[in-house]
Amino acid sequence: MLEKIKIAKKLKEQGKSSKDIELDIGLSRNYIPKLLELYEAMSEKENVPVVNNPDYVVLRKQKYITLSIRIQNKLAEIRKEFLEMQKIIRSAKGKYLNAKYSYEDVRDLQEELDNKQLYLNVTSKNLQHAEDGYEYLKREVKYNYIFWFLIGSGFTFFVLGTARNIFGLNI
């Protein structure tokens, strides 16, 4: 790729168009100007000299130590924030579980209340039917007493009448 960019730079210096360069090296003409800029920026950069100075090494070491301490402090802050969020989540989870259990308790109590109300409605209807039946039977018994009294009286008169006819009694 680097060789293609070098060839593209030579062709550009010769004054060829991006279209011709694209045909010669096989790179898209949209990328050629950007790649040339990047190549120039890389070639202009000077190599960093190798320093064997002990002070330079100490400074670089201190820089990395400082950077390491900053990273450790940042990680400590992140851990602290994580622990705080974990506490908040635990308390919210506890509140949620308490609400869930209380909701279940309320739902169970509501269901029990509904069942008792249903039984009470059924019982009150049955009780009303029983009261109606009792009133009916009270009336029925009165009519039965009157009916049986009349039948008993009629039977008694019949027996007395038959006995008088048979025995000739005069009662």
Protein backbone atom coordinates (compact mmCIF):
# COMPACT_ATOMS: atom_id res chain seq x y z
CA MET A 1 0.00 0.00 0.00
CA LEU A 2 2.86 2.34 0.86
CA GLU A 3 4.45 1.62 -2.52
CA LYS A 4 1.19 2.50 -4.28
CA ILE A 5 1.06 5.79 -2.41
CA LYS A 6 4.67 6.60 -3.40
CA ILE A 7 3.83 5.88 -7.05
CA ALA A 8 0.69 8.05 -6.75
CA LYS A 9 2.82 10.90 -5.33
CA LYS A 10 5.25 10.68 -8.26
CA LEU A 11 2.39 10.64 -10.75
CA LYS A 12 0.74 13.62 -9.04
CA GLU A 13 4.03 15.53 -9.19
CA GLN A 14 4.18 14.75 -12.91
CA GLY A 15 0.78 16.46 -13.25
CA LYS A 16 -1.46 13.52 -13.98
CA SER A 17 -5.14 13.68 -13.02
CA SER A 18 -6.73 11.61 -10.23
CA LYS A 19 -8.56 9.56 -12.82
CA ASP A 20 -5.31 8.51 -14.53
CA ILE A 21 -3.69 7.77 -11.17
CA GLU A 22 -6.69 5.62 -10.24
CA LEU A 23 -6.27 3.60 -13.44
CA ASP A 24 -2.51 3.19 -12.93
CA ILE A 25 -2.39 2.10 -9.26
CA GLY A 26 -5.89 0.70 -8.63
CA LEU A 27 -6.90 2.97 -5.72
CA SER A 28 -10.13 4.95 -5.71
CA ARG A 29 -9.64 8.58 -6.77
CA ASN A 30 -11.61 9.71 -3.70
CA TYR A 31 -8.93 8.31 -1.38
CA ILE A 32 -5.83 9.41 -3.30
CA PRO A 33 -5.67 13.07 -2.05
CA LYS A 34 -6.18 12.02 1.55
CA LEU A 35 -3.59 9.25 1.34
CA LEU A 36 -1.09 11.70 -0.19
CA GLU A 37 -1.67 14.17 2.64
CA LEU A 38 -1.16 11.41 5.16
CA TYR A 39 2.04 10.26 3.44
CA GLU A 40 3.42 13.82 3.44
CA ALA A 41 2.58 14.26 7.11
CA MET A 42 4.34 10.99 7.90
CA SER A 43 7.42 11.86 5.88
CA GLU A 44 7.72 15.34 7.45
CA LYS A 45 7.73 13.93 10.96
CA GLU A 46 11.21 13.68 12.39
CA ASN A 47 12.40 10.61 14.17
CA VAL A 48 12.56 11.01 17.92
CA PRO A 49 16.14 10.85 19.03
CA VAL A 50 17.13 8.09 21.43
CA VAL A 51 18.15 9.65 24.70
CA ASN A 52 20.26 7.78 27.18
CA ASN A 53 20.17 10.60 29.67
CA PRO A 54 19.23 9.22 33.12
CA ASP A 55 17.28 12.39 33.97
CA TYR A 56 15.14 11.88 30.88
CA VAL A 57 14.44 8.31 31.91
CA VAL A 58 13.52 9.43 35.43
CA LEU A 59 11.18 12.08 34.03
CA ARG A 60 9.51 9.56 31.72
CA LYS A 61 9.19 7.12 34.63
CA GLN A 62 7.66 9.83 36.84
CA LYS A 63 5.27 10.72 34.01
CA TYR A 64 4.12 7.10 33.74
CA ILE A 65 3.87 6.78 37.53
CA THR A 66 1.75 9.96 37.67
CA LEU A 67 -0.39 8.66 34.85
CA SER A 68 -0.75 5.32 36.66
CA ILE A 69 -1.78 7.09 39.88
CA ARG A 70 -4.37 9.14 37.99
CA ILE A 71 -5.76 5.98 36.43
CA GLN A 72 -5.86 4.27 39.83
CA ASN A 73 -7.66 7.25 41.36
CA LYS A 74 -10.14 7.26 38.49
CA LEU A 75 -10.73 3.53 38.98
CA ALA A 76 -11.21 4.09 42.72
CA GLU A 77 -13.83 6.77 41.97
CA ILE A 78 -15.56 4.43 39.52
CA ARG A 79 -15.54 1.62 42.12
CA LYS A 80 -16.95 3.99 44.74
CA GLU A 81 -19.69 5.12 42.35
CA PHE A 82 -20.39 1.48 41.46
CA LEU A 83 -20.75 0.55 45.15
CA GLU A 84 -23.11 3.49 45.73
CA MET A 85 -25.21 2.49 42.75
CA GLN A 86 -25.19 -1.12 43.98
CA LYS A 87 -26.49 0.05 47.39
CA ILE A 88 -29.21 2.07 45.68
CA ILE A 89 -30.16 -0.91 43.53
CA ARG A 90 -30.25 -3.20 46.57
CA SER A 91 -32.51 -0.81 48.47
CA ALA A 92 -34.73 -0.38 45.42
CA LYS A 93 -34.82 -4.14 45.00
CA GLY A 94 -35.81 -4.50 48.67
CA LYS A 95 -38.54 -1.91 48.24
CA TYR A 96 -39.71 -3.66 45.09
CA LEU A 97 -39.82 -7.05 46.84
CA ASN A 98 -41.67 -5.56 49.80
CA ALA A 99 -44.16 -3.94 47.45
CA LYS A 100 -44.52 -7.20 45.54
CA TYR A 101 -45.15 -9.20 48.71
CA SER A 102 -47.57 -6.61 50.08
CA TYR A 103 -49.36 -6.59 46.70
CA GLU A 104 -49.66 -10.37 46.89
CA ASP A 105 -50.97 -10.10 50.46
CA VAL A 106 -53.50 -7.45 49.44
CA ARG A 107 -54.51 -9.53 46.42
CA ASP A 108 -54.97 -12.63 48.62
CA LEU A 109 -57.00 -10.61 51.15
CA GLN A 110 -59.11 -9.14 48.33
CA GLU A 111 -59.71 -12.61 46.91
CA GLU A 112 -60.67 -13.92 50.33
CA LEU A 113 -63.00 -10.95 50.85
CA ASP A 114 -64.60 -11.56 47.44
CA ASN A 115 -65.12 -15.24 48.28
CA LYS A 116 -66.65 -14.38 51.66
CA GLN A 117 -68.91 -11.81 50.01
CA LEU A 118 -70.01 -14.44 47.49
CA TYR A 119 -70.72 -16.91 50.33
CA LEU A 120 -72.58 -14.19 52.20
CA ASN A 121 -74.68 -13.38 49.13
CA VAL A 122 -75.45 -17.07 48.62
CA THR A 123 -76.21 -17.47 52.32
CA SER A 124 -78.44 -14.39 52.39
CA LYS A 125 -80.35 -15.69 49.36
CA ASN A 126 -80.69 -19.08 50.99
CA LEU A 127 -81.71 -17.43 54.24
CA GLN A 128 -84.33 -15.38 52.39
CA HIS A 129 -85.65 -18.53 50.74
CA ALA A 130 -85.69 -20.24 54.13
CA GLU A 131 -87.60 -17.35 55.69
CA ASP A 132 -90.05 -17.35 52.81
CA GLY A 133 -90.46 -21.11 53.20
CA TYR A 134 -90.96 -20.76 56.94
CA GLU A 135 -93.67 -18.13 56.43
CA TYR A 136 -95.28 -20.35 53.81
CA LEU A 137 -95.18 -23.33 56.16
CA LYS A 138 -96.64 -21.26 59.02
CA ARG A 139 -99.57 -20.32 56.80
CA GLU A 140 -99.80 -23.87 55.51
CA VAL A 141 -99.85 -25.24 59.06
CA LYS A 142 -102.68 -22.87 60.03
CA TYR A 143 -104.67 -24.01 57.01
CA ASN A 144 -103.79 -27.61 57.79
CA TYR A 145 -104.96 -27.21 61.39
CA ILE A 146 -108.24 -25.73 60.20
CA PHE A 147 -108.60 -28.40 57.51
CA TRP A 148 -107.88 -31.28 59.89
CA PHE A 149 -110.09 -29.74 62.58
CA LEU A 150 -112.96 -29.61 60.10
CA ILE A 151 -112.26 -33.16 58.92
CA GLY A 152 -112.01 -34.33 62.53
CA SER A 153 -115.25 -32.56 63.46
CA GLY A 154 -116.97 -33.98 60.38
CA PHE A 155 -115.69 -37.48 61.18
CA THR A 156 -116.87 -37.16 64.75
CA PHE A 157 -120.35 -36.08 63.60
CA PHE A 158 -120.34 -38.89 61.08
CA VAL A 159 -119.43 -41.48 63.74
CA LEU A 160 -121.99 -40.08 66.16
CA GLY A 161 -124.64 -40.04 63.43
CA THR A 162 -123.83 -43.58 62.37
CA ALA A 163 -123.80 -44.80 65.98
CA ARG A 164 -127.16 -43.20 66.65
CA ASN A 165 -128.63 -44.84 63.56
CA ILE A 166 -127.14 -48.23 64.34
CA PHE A 167 -127.69 -48.32 68.06
CA GLY A 168 -130.60 -46.07 68.22
CA LEU A 169 -128.97 -43.83 70.67
CA ASN A 170 -130.23 -40.46 71.22
CA ILE A 171 -127.41 -38.25 71.81
